Amino acid sequence: MHAIRVASAALLGVSALAMTAPAALAQDDDSGFWAGVRPTTVERGGQVRLRATGCEQSVTVSSGVFDTVTIHRRRTTAWATVDRDARPGAVYEVSFYCGTLWQSVDLTIAGGRPERPDHPQRGVQAGEGGTLAGLDLKQIGLGAALITAALGTAYHLSRRSTDEDDA
């Protein structure tokens, strides 16, 4: 019986460690600066959301497919409108500058669709759907560890009450 308790505690510890290890490997540098574009494929004339986190100053975002945009300090997102003369199927580099740090992300221009007239998009702005935007591996690891701990505790308590009934 003691071996089962020790094994479940060890499994719980190893699970928590395994779930948090990817979060430590996810950052490229010590700065914590991260940048992204959503969606990563957009039509000519469409809008993209630019996101940057981990910078203590304004972030400048530039690309050959839209005007330079500034994500102001204490903000994490800004919007940019893709030029209508962008080449369908082309991949453009979007560069994020945080002081001396920078990151680049690819933005693909969708092709093969007819152009729509210039009028504002009206519809549900319901978020990012199935994308991986905002994926925080530390939070996922912590959540998994909490779930594992809850399941281990529930198992332990159910086994304990069964053992007490047998006595």
N, C-alpha and C. Protein backbone atom coordinates (compact mmCIF):
# COMPACT_ATOMS: atom_id res chain seq x y z
N MET A 1 0.82 -1.18 0.00
CA MET A 1 0.00 0.00 0.00
C MET A 1 0.87 1.25 0.00
N HIS A 2 1.94 1.22 0.78
CA HIS A 2 2.84 2.38 0.85
C HIS A 2 3.50 2.61 -0.51
N ALA A 3 3.80 1.55 -1.23
CA ALA A 3 4.44 1.68 -2.55
C ALA A 3 3.52 2.38 -3.54
N ILE A 4 2.23 2.14 -3.45
CA ILE A 4 1.28 2.79 -4.35
C ILE A 4 1.25 4.29 -4.08
N ARG A 5 1.26 4.68 -2.81
CA ARG A 5 1.26 6.10 -2.48
C ARG A 5 2.53 6.78 -2.99
N VAL A 6 3.66 6.15 -2.77
CA VAL A 6 4.93 6.72 -3.23
C VAL A 6 4.96 6.80 -4.75
N ALA A 7 4.49 5.76 -5.41
CA ALA A 7 4.49 5.75 -6.88
C ALA A 7 3.57 6.83 -7.43
N SER A 8 2.38 7.01 -6.82
CA SER A 8 1.47 8.04 -7.33
C SER A 8 2.03 9.44 -7.06
N ALA A 9 2.68 9.65 -5.93
CA ALA A 9 3.30 10.95 -5.65
C ALA A 9 4.44 11.21 -6.62
N ALA A 10 5.25 10.20 -6.91
CA ALA A 10 6.34 10.37 -7.87
C ALA A 10 5.81 10.65 -9.26
N LEU A 11 4.76 9.94 -9.65
CA LEU A 11 4.15 10.17 -10.96
C LEU A 11 3.58 11.58 -11.07
N LEU A 12 2.98 12.05 -10.00
CA LEU A 12 2.44 13.41 -9.97
C LEU A 12 3.56 14.43 -10.13
N GLY A 13 4.67 14.24 -9.44
CA GLY A 13 5.81 15.16 -9.54
C GLY A 13 6.43 15.15 -10.93
N VAL A 14 6.62 13.97 -11.49
CA VAL A 14 7.19 13.85 -12.83
C VAL A 14 6.25 14.46 -13.87
N SER A 15 4.94 14.27 -13.72
CA SER A 15 3.98 14.86 -14.65
C SER A 15 4.03 16.38 -14.61
N ALA A 16 4.08 16.94 -13.41
CA ALA A 16 4.15 18.39 -13.28
C ALA A 16 5.44 18.92 -13.90
N LEU A 17 6.54 18.25 -13.67
CA LEU A 17 7.82 18.67 -14.25
C LEU A 17 7.81 18.56 -15.76
N ALA A 18 7.25 17.47 -16.28
CA ALA A 18 7.20 17.28 -17.73
C ALA A 18 6.30 18.31 -18.40
N MET A 19 5.25 18.72 -17.74
CA MET A 19 4.34 19.69 -18.33
C MET A 19 4.93 21.10 -18.33
N THR A 20 5.80 21.41 -17.39
CA THR A 20 6.38 22.76 -17.35
C THR A 20 7.67 22.86 -18.13
N ALA A 21 8.31 21.75 -18.46
CA ALA A 21 9.56 21.79 -19.20
C ALA A 21 9.43 22.44 -20.57
N PRO A 22 8.38 22.15 -21.38
CA PRO A 22 8.27 22.81 -22.67
C PRO A 22 8.15 24.34 -22.55
N ALA A 23 7.55 24.81 -21.48
CA ALA A 23 7.42 26.26 -21.30
C ALA A 23 8.79 26.91 -21.15
N ALA A 24 9.70 26.22 -20.51
CA ALA A 24 11.03 26.78 -20.35
C ALA A 24 11.78 26.79 -21.67
N LEU A 25 11.50 25.85 -22.55
CA LEU A 25 12.18 25.78 -23.83
C LEU A 25 11.55 26.66 -24.90
N ALA A 26 10.37 27.19 -24.63
CA ALA A 26 9.63 27.91 -25.66
C ALA A 26 10.22 29.27 -25.99
N GLN A 27 10.93 29.89 -25.05
CA GLN A 27 11.47 31.21 -25.32
C GLN A 27 12.86 31.09 -25.92
N ASP A 28 13.11 31.95 -26.94
CA ASP A 28 14.38 31.92 -27.64
C ASP A 28 15.47 32.64 -26.87
N ASP A 29 15.12 33.63 -26.07
CA ASP A 29 16.12 34.42 -25.38
C ASP A 29 15.61 34.77 -23.99
N ASP A 30 16.45 35.48 -23.24
CA ASP A 30 16.10 35.84 -21.88
C ASP A 30 15.15 37.02 -21.80
N SER A 31 14.91 37.72 -22.90
CA SER A 31 14.12 38.94 -22.87
C SER A 31 12.63 38.68 -22.68
N GLY A 32 12.12 37.57 -23.18
CA GLY A 32 10.70 37.30 -23.10
C GLY A 32 9.92 37.99 -24.21
N PHE A 33 10.60 38.64 -25.14
CA PHE A 33 9.94 39.34 -26.24
C PHE A 33 9.41 38.32 -27.23
N TRP A 34 8.10 38.43 -27.56
CA TRP A 34 7.45 37.52 -28.48
C TRP A 34 6.56 38.33 -29.42
N ALA A 35 6.48 37.93 -30.68
CA ALA A 35 5.67 38.65 -31.66
C ALA A 35 4.94 37.65 -32.57
N GLY A 36 3.76 38.08 -33.07
CA GLY A 36 3.00 37.22 -33.96
C GLY A 36 2.01 38.01 -34.80
N VAL A 37 1.53 37.37 -35.87
CA VAL A 37 0.55 37.96 -36.78
C VAL A 37 -0.59 36.97 -36.93
N ARG A 38 -1.84 37.45 -36.87
CA ARG A 38 -3.01 36.62 -37.07
C ARG A 38 -3.98 37.35 -37.97
N PRO A 39 -4.53 36.75 -38.96
CA PRO A 39 -4.18 35.43 -39.47
C PRO A 39 -2.83 35.48 -40.20
N THR A 40 -2.24 34.33 -40.41
CA THR A 40 -0.96 34.28 -41.11
C THR A 40 -1.14 34.26 -42.62
N THR A 41 -2.37 34.01 -43.09
CA THR A 41 -2.71 34.12 -44.51
C THR A 41 -3.90 35.05 -44.63
N VAL A 42 -3.76 36.08 -45.47
CA VAL A 42 -4.79 37.11 -45.57
C VAL A 42 -4.97 37.52 -47.02
N GLU A 43 -6.15 37.98 -47.35
CA GLU A 43 -6.42 38.47 -48.70
C GLU A 43 -5.88 39.88 -48.85
N ARG A 44 -5.65 40.27 -50.11
CA ARG A 44 -5.25 41.65 -50.38
C ARG A 44 -6.32 42.59 -49.85
N GLY A 45 -5.92 43.65 -49.16
CA GLY A 45 -6.87 44.60 -48.59
C GLY A 45 -7.43 44.16 -47.25
N GLY A 46 -7.08 42.97 -46.79
CA GLY A 46 -7.58 42.48 -45.51
C GLY A 46 -6.80 43.05 -44.33
N GLN A 47 -7.29 42.78 -43.14
CA GLN A 47 -6.62 43.27 -41.94
C GLN A 47 -5.96 42.12 -41.19
N VAL A 48 -4.84 42.44 -40.55
CA VAL A 48 -4.14 41.48 -39.70
C VAL A 48 -3.95 42.09 -38.32
N ARG A 49 -3.98 41.23 -37.32
CA ARG A 49 -3.73 41.68 -35.95
C ARG A 49 -2.27 41.42 -35.63
N LEU A 50 -1.59 42.44 -35.21
CA LEU A 50 -0.18 42.35 -34.84
C LEU A 50 -0.12 42.28 -33.32
N ARG A 51 0.63 41.32 -32.79
CA ARG A 51 0.69 41.15 -31.34
C ARG A 51 2.14 41.04 -30.91
N ALA A 52 2.49 41.77 -29.87
CA ALA A 52 3.84 41.70 -29.30
C ALA A 52 3.73 41.77 -27.79
N THR A 53 4.45 40.89 -27.11
CA THR A 53 4.46 40.89 -25.65
C THR A 53 5.90 40.84 -25.16
N GLY A 54 6.09 41.25 -23.92
CA GLY A 54 7.41 41.18 -23.30
C GLY A 54 8.31 42.34 -23.61
N CYS A 55 7.79 43.44 -24.13
CA CYS A 55 8.62 44.62 -24.44
C CYS A 55 8.18 45.76 -23.53
N GLU A 56 9.12 46.41 -22.89
CA GLU A 56 8.81 47.50 -21.97
C GLU A 56 8.71 48.85 -22.65
N GLN A 57 8.74 48.87 -23.97
CA GLN A 57 8.63 50.12 -24.73
C GLN A 57 7.76 49.88 -25.95
N SER A 58 7.53 50.92 -26.73
CA SER A 58 6.72 50.76 -27.94
C SER A 58 7.42 49.84 -28.93
N VAL A 59 6.63 49.05 -29.66
CA VAL A 59 7.16 48.12 -30.65
C VAL A 59 6.80 48.66 -32.03
N THR A 60 7.80 48.74 -32.90
CA THR A 60 7.58 49.18 -34.27
C THR A 60 7.48 47.95 -35.17
N VAL A 61 6.44 47.92 -36.00
CA VAL A 61 6.20 46.78 -36.88
C VAL A 61 6.24 47.27 -38.32
N SER A 62 7.08 46.63 -39.14
CA SER A 62 7.18 47.06 -40.53
C SER A 62 7.13 45.85 -41.46
N SER A 63 6.66 46.12 -42.68
CA SER A 63 6.57 45.09 -43.70
C SER A 63 6.44 45.76 -45.05
N GLY A 64 6.77 45.06 -46.10
CA GLY A 64 6.63 45.59 -47.43
C GLY A 64 5.20 45.55 -47.94
N VAL A 65 4.28 45.03 -47.12
CA VAL A 65 2.90 44.84 -47.56
C VAL A 65 1.91 45.74 -46.81
N PHE A 66 2.38 46.49 -45.81
CA PHE A 66 1.52 47.48 -45.13
C PHE A 66 2.39 48.58 -44.55
N ASP A 67 1.75 49.70 -44.20
CA ASP A 67 2.46 50.83 -43.62
C ASP A 67 3.01 50.46 -42.24
N THR A 68 4.08 51.14 -41.83
CA THR A 68 4.67 50.89 -40.52
C THR A 68 3.65 51.20 -39.43
N VAL A 69 3.57 50.30 -38.45
CA VAL A 69 2.61 50.41 -37.35
C VAL A 69 3.38 50.41 -36.03
N THR A 70 2.87 51.15 -35.06
CA THR A 70 3.48 51.17 -33.73
C THR A 70 2.51 50.56 -32.73
N ILE A 71 3.00 49.58 -31.98
CA ILE A 71 2.23 49.03 -30.86
C ILE A 71 2.74 49.79 -29.64
N HIS A 72 1.91 50.65 -29.12
CA HIS A 72 2.33 51.54 -28.05
C HIS A 72 2.60 50.79 -26.75
N ARG A 73 3.47 51.37 -25.96
CA ARG A 73 3.84 50.80 -24.66
C ARG A 73 2.57 50.52 -23.86
N ARG A 74 2.57 49.45 -23.10
CA ARG A 74 1.45 48.97 -22.30
C ARG A 74 0.29 48.41 -23.13
N ARG A 75 0.47 48.30 -24.42
CA ARG A 75 -0.51 47.64 -25.30
C ARG A 75 0.17 46.41 -25.87
N THR A 76 -0.62 45.45 -26.30
CA THR A 76 -0.02 44.25 -26.89
C THR A 76 -0.43 44.03 -28.33
N THR A 77 -1.46 44.76 -28.81
CA THR A 77 -1.91 44.52 -30.17
C THR A 77 -2.14 45.80 -30.93
N ALA A 78 -2.11 45.67 -32.24
CA ALA A 78 -2.46 46.75 -33.17
C ALA A 78 -2.95 46.07 -34.45
N TRP A 79 -3.59 46.84 -35.32
CA TRP A 79 -4.12 46.31 -36.56
C TRP A 79 -3.43 46.97 -37.74
N ALA A 80 -3.28 46.23 -38.83
CA ALA A 80 -2.70 46.76 -40.06
C ALA A 80 -3.54 46.27 -41.23
N THR A 81 -3.69 47.13 -42.24
CA THR A 81 -4.42 46.77 -43.45
C THR A 81 -3.42 46.44 -44.56
N VAL A 82 -3.56 45.27 -45.13
CA VAL A 82 -2.66 44.80 -46.19
C VAL A 82 -2.95 45.58 -47.47
N ASP A 83 -1.89 45.99 -48.17
CA ASP A 83 -2.04 46.74 -49.42
C ASP A 83 -2.81 45.92 -50.45
N ARG A 84 -3.62 46.60 -51.24
CA ARG A 84 -4.40 45.92 -52.28
C ARG A 84 -3.53 45.45 -53.44
N ASP A 85 -2.33 46.04 -53.58
CA ASP A 85 -1.46 45.63 -54.69
C ASP A 85 -0.49 44.52 -54.29
N ALA A 86 -0.74 43.88 -53.14
CA ALA A 86 0.10 42.76 -52.72
C ALA A 86 -0.07 41.60 -53.71
N ARG A 87 0.99 40.87 -53.95
CA ARG A 87 0.95 39.76 -54.91
C ARG A 87 0.29 38.53 -54.29
N PRO A 88 -0.77 38.00 -54.91
CA PRO A 88 -1.40 36.79 -54.39
C PRO A 88 -0.40 35.63 -54.35
N GLY A 89 -0.39 34.91 -53.25
CA GLY A 89 0.51 33.78 -53.09
C GLY A 89 1.89 34.15 -52.57
N ALA A 90 2.20 35.45 -52.50
CA ALA A 90 3.52 35.89 -52.03
C ALA A 90 3.60 35.79 -50.51
N VAL A 91 4.83 35.60 -50.02
CA VAL A 91 5.08 35.57 -48.59
C VAL A 91 5.90 36.81 -48.25
N TYR A 92 5.39 37.62 -47.33
CA TYR A 92 6.06 38.84 -46.91
C TYR A 92 6.56 38.68 -45.48
N GLU A 93 7.70 39.29 -45.20
CA GLU A 93 8.26 39.27 -43.85
C GLU A 93 7.69 40.45 -43.07
N VAL A 94 7.21 40.18 -41.86
CA VAL A 94 6.73 41.22 -40.95
C VAL A 94 7.74 41.28 -39.80
N SER A 95 8.38 42.45 -39.62
CA SER A 95 9.44 42.60 -38.61
C SER A 95 8.94 43.42 -37.43
N PHE A 96 9.18 42.92 -36.23
CA PHE A 96 8.82 43.57 -34.98
C PHE A 96 10.10 44.03 -34.30
N TYR A 97 10.18 45.31 -33.93
CA TYR A 97 11.38 45.88 -33.31
C TYR A 97 11.04 46.39 -31.91
N CYS A 98 11.74 45.86 -30.93
CA CYS A 98 11.61 46.29 -29.52
C CYS A 98 13.00 46.75 -29.09
N GLY A 99 13.30 48.03 -29.32
CA GLY A 99 14.65 48.52 -29.01
C GLY A 99 15.67 47.82 -29.88
N THR A 100 16.60 47.12 -29.23
CA THR A 100 17.64 46.39 -29.98
C THR A 100 17.20 44.97 -30.33
N LEU A 101 16.08 44.53 -29.80
CA LEU A 101 15.57 43.19 -30.10
C LEU A 101 14.64 43.24 -31.30
N TRP A 102 14.58 42.16 -32.05
CA TRP A 102 13.64 42.09 -33.17
C TRP A 102 13.30 40.64 -33.45
N GLN A 103 12.12 40.48 -34.02
CA GLN A 103 11.66 39.17 -34.48
C GLN A 103 10.94 39.36 -35.80
N SER A 104 10.95 38.33 -36.62
CA SER A 104 10.22 38.42 -37.89
C SER A 104 9.27 37.23 -38.01
N VAL A 105 8.14 37.50 -38.69
CA VAL A 105 7.09 36.50 -38.89
C VAL A 105 6.69 36.58 -40.36
N ASP A 106 6.36 35.45 -40.96
CA ASP A 106 5.92 35.42 -42.36
C ASP A 106 4.42 35.67 -42.45
N LEU A 107 4.03 36.43 -43.47
CA LEU A 107 2.63 36.71 -43.77
C LEU A 107 2.39 36.33 -45.23
N THR A 108 1.45 35.42 -45.48
CA THR A 108 1.15 34.96 -46.83
C THR A 108 -0.10 35.65 -47.36
N ILE A 109 -0.04 36.06 -48.63
CA ILE A 109 -1.19 36.69 -49.27
C ILE A 109 -1.97 35.61 -50.00
N ALA A 110 -3.26 35.51 -49.69
CA ALA A 110 -4.11 34.50 -50.32
C ALA A 110 -4.29 34.84 -51.79
N GLY A 111 -4.49 33.84 -52.61
CA GLY A 111 -4.66 34.08 -54.04
C GLY A 111 -5.86 33.34 -54.59
N GLY A 112 -6.27 33.74 -55.81
CA GLY A 112 -7.32 33.03 -56.52
C GLY A 112 -8.74 33.45 -56.18
N ARG A 113 -8.92 34.47 -55.39
CA ARG A 113 -10.27 34.91 -55.07
C ARG A 113 -10.54 36.27 -55.72
N PRO A 114 -11.76 36.49 -56.16
CA PRO A 114 -12.07 37.80 -56.74
C PRO A 114 -12.05 38.87 -55.66
N GLU A 115 -11.67 40.08 -56.07
CA GLU A 115 -11.63 41.18 -55.12
C GLU A 115 -13.04 41.62 -54.77
N ARG A 116 -13.23 42.01 -53.52
CA ARG A 116 -14.52 42.50 -53.06
C ARG A 116 -14.50 44.02 -53.08
N PRO A 117 -15.66 44.63 -53.21
CA PRO A 117 -15.71 46.09 -53.18
C PRO A 117 -15.28 46.63 -51.82
N ASP A 118 -14.83 47.90 -51.79
CA ASP A 118 -14.37 48.52 -50.54
C ASP A 118 -15.56 48.92 -49.68
N HIS A 119 -15.94 48.08 -48.78
CA HIS A 119 -16.90 48.47 -47.75
C HIS A 119 -16.55 47.69 -46.50
N PRO A 120 -16.84 48.26 -45.36
CA PRO A 120 -16.39 47.62 -44.13
C PRO A 120 -16.99 46.23 -43.94
N GLN A 121 -16.20 45.39 -43.33
CA GLN A 121 -16.67 44.04 -43.03
C GLN A 121 -17.65 44.13 -41.86
N ARG A 122 -18.80 43.55 -42.04
CA ARG A 122 -19.79 43.55 -40.97
C ARG A 122 -20.09 42.08 -40.65
N GLY A 123 -19.84 41.73 -39.47
CA GLY A 123 -20.08 40.35 -39.09
C GLY A 123 -19.54 40.11 -37.70
N VAL A 124 -19.62 38.92 -37.28
CA VAL A 124 -19.20 38.57 -35.94
C VAL A 124 -17.68 38.63 -35.87
N GLN A 125 -17.18 39.37 -34.94
CA GLN A 125 -15.74 39.40 -34.66
C GLN A 125 -15.51 38.52 -33.43
N ALA A 126 -15.48 37.22 -33.66
CA ALA A 126 -15.56 36.27 -32.55
C ALA A 126 -14.23 35.71 -32.11
N GLY A 127 -13.13 36.32 -32.41
CA GLY A 127 -11.87 35.81 -31.92
C GLY A 127 -11.11 35.06 -32.98
N GLU A 128 -10.23 34.20 -32.53
CA GLU A 128 -9.28 33.58 -33.45
C GLU A 128 -9.58 32.14 -33.79
N GLY A 129 -10.70 31.63 -33.34
CA GLY A 129 -11.09 30.28 -33.72
C GLY A 129 -10.09 29.24 -33.27
N GLY A 130 -9.64 28.41 -34.18
CA GLY A 130 -8.78 27.31 -33.82
C GLY A 130 -7.30 27.60 -33.92
N THR A 131 -6.91 28.87 -33.92
CA THR A 131 -5.50 29.17 -34.02
C THR A 131 -4.79 28.94 -32.70
N LEU A 132 -3.51 29.07 -32.72
CA LEU A 132 -2.71 28.89 -31.52
C LEU A 132 -2.30 30.22 -30.91
N ALA A 133 -2.96 31.29 -31.27
CA ALA A 133 -2.60 32.61 -30.75
C ALA A 133 -2.80 32.63 -29.25
N GLY A 134 -1.89 33.25 -28.57
CA GLY A 134 -2.02 33.40 -27.14
C GLY A 134 -1.76 32.12 -26.38
N LEU A 135 -1.18 31.14 -27.01
CA LEU A 135 -0.90 29.86 -26.38
C LEU A 135 0.19 30.07 -25.33
N ASP A 136 -0.14 29.85 -24.08
CA ASP A 136 0.81 30.02 -22.99
C ASP A 136 1.12 28.66 -22.40
N LEU A 137 2.29 28.14 -22.72
CA LEU A 137 2.64 26.79 -22.29
C LEU A 137 2.76 26.68 -20.77
N LYS A 138 3.13 27.77 -20.11
CA LYS A 138 3.20 27.73 -18.64
C LYS A 138 1.81 27.51 -18.06
N GLN A 139 0.81 28.21 -18.58
CA GLN A 139 -0.54 28.04 -18.09
C GLN A 139 -1.07 26.65 -18.41
N ILE A 140 -0.76 26.14 -19.58
CA ILE A 140 -1.19 24.79 -19.95
C ILE A 140 -0.55 23.77 -19.02
N GLY A 141 0.74 23.94 -18.75
CA GLY A 141 1.45 23.03 -17.85
C GLY A 141 0.89 23.07 -16.44
N LEU A 142 0.62 24.29 -15.95
CA LEU A 142 0.04 24.42 -14.61
C LEU A 142 -1.34 23.78 -14.56
N GLY A 143 -2.15 24.01 -15.58
CA GLY A 143 -3.48 23.40 -15.63
C GLY A 143 -3.41 21.89 -15.65
N ALA A 144 -2.49 21.36 -16.45
CA ALA A 144 -2.33 19.90 -16.52
C ALA A 144 -1.87 19.34 -15.18
N ALA A 145 -0.96 20.07 -14.52
CA ALA A 145 -0.47 19.62 -13.21
C ALA A 145 -1.61 19.62 -12.19
N LEU A 146 -2.45 20.65 -12.23
CA LEU A 146 -3.58 20.71 -11.30
C LEU A 146 -4.58 19.59 -11.57
N ILE A 147 -4.84 19.32 -12.83
CA ILE A 147 -5.74 18.22 -13.18
C ILE A 147 -5.17 16.89 -12.71
N THR A 148 -3.87 16.70 -12.96
CA THR A 148 -3.21 15.46 -12.52
C THR A 148 -3.27 15.32 -11.02
N ALA A 149 -3.03 16.42 -10.29
CA ALA A 149 -3.09 16.38 -8.83
C ALA A 149 -4.50 16.04 -8.35
N ALA A 150 -5.51 16.63 -9.00
CA ALA A 150 -6.89 16.35 -8.62
C ALA A 150 -7.24 14.89 -8.86
N LEU A 151 -6.84 14.36 -10.01
CA LEU A 151 -7.11 12.95 -10.30
C LEU A 151 -6.37 12.03 -9.34
N GLY A 152 -5.12 12.37 -9.03
CA GLY A 152 -4.35 11.56 -8.08
C GLY A 152 -4.97 11.57 -6.70
N THR A 153 -5.43 12.75 -6.26
CA THR A 153 -6.08 12.86 -4.96
C THR A 153 -7.38 12.08 -4.93
N ALA A 154 -8.17 12.20 -6.00
CA ALA A 154 -9.43 11.47 -6.06
C ALA A 154 -9.19 9.96 -6.03
N TYR A 155 -8.19 9.52 -6.75
CA TYR A 155 -7.85 8.09 -6.76
C TYR A 155 -7.41 7.64 -5.36
N HIS A 156 -6.54 8.45 -4.76
CA HIS A 156 -6.03 8.11 -3.43
C HIS A 156 -7.18 8.03 -2.42
N LEU A 157 -8.08 9.01 -2.45
CA LEU A 157 -9.19 9.01 -1.51
C LEU A 157 -10.14 7.85 -1.77
N SER A 158 -10.37 7.50 -3.03
CA SER A 158 -11.27 6.38 -3.32
C SER A 158 -10.64 5.07 -2.87
N ARG A 159 -9.35 4.91 -3.02
CA ARG A 159 -8.66 3.69 -2.57
C ARG A 159 -8.64 3.63 -1.05
N ARG A 160 -8.47 4.77 -0.42
CA ARG A 160 -8.41 4.82 1.04
C ARG A 160 -9.74 4.40 1.64
N SER A 161 -10.86 4.92 1.12
CA SER A 161 -12.15 4.54 1.68
C SER A 161 -12.46 3.07 1.42
N THR A 162 -11.99 2.52 0.31
CA THR A 162 -12.17 1.09 0.05
C THR A 162 -11.38 0.27 1.04
N ASP A 163 -10.14 0.69 1.36
CA ASP A 163 -9.31 -0.03 2.32
C ASP A 163 -9.92 0.02 3.71
N GLU A 164 -10.52 1.17 4.10
CA GLU A 164 -11.13 1.31 5.42
C GLU A 164 -12.37 0.44 5.53
N ASP A 165 -13.11 0.28 4.41
CA ASP A 165 -14.30 -0.56 4.43
C ASP A 165 -13.94 -2.02 4.65
N ASP A 166 -12.77 -2.42 4.10
CA ASP A 166 -12.33 -3.82 4.22
C ASP A 166 -11.91 -4.16 5.65
N ALA A 167 -11.50 -3.15 6.41
CA ALA A 167 -10.95 -3.41 7.75
C ALA A 167 -11.97 -3.71 8.77
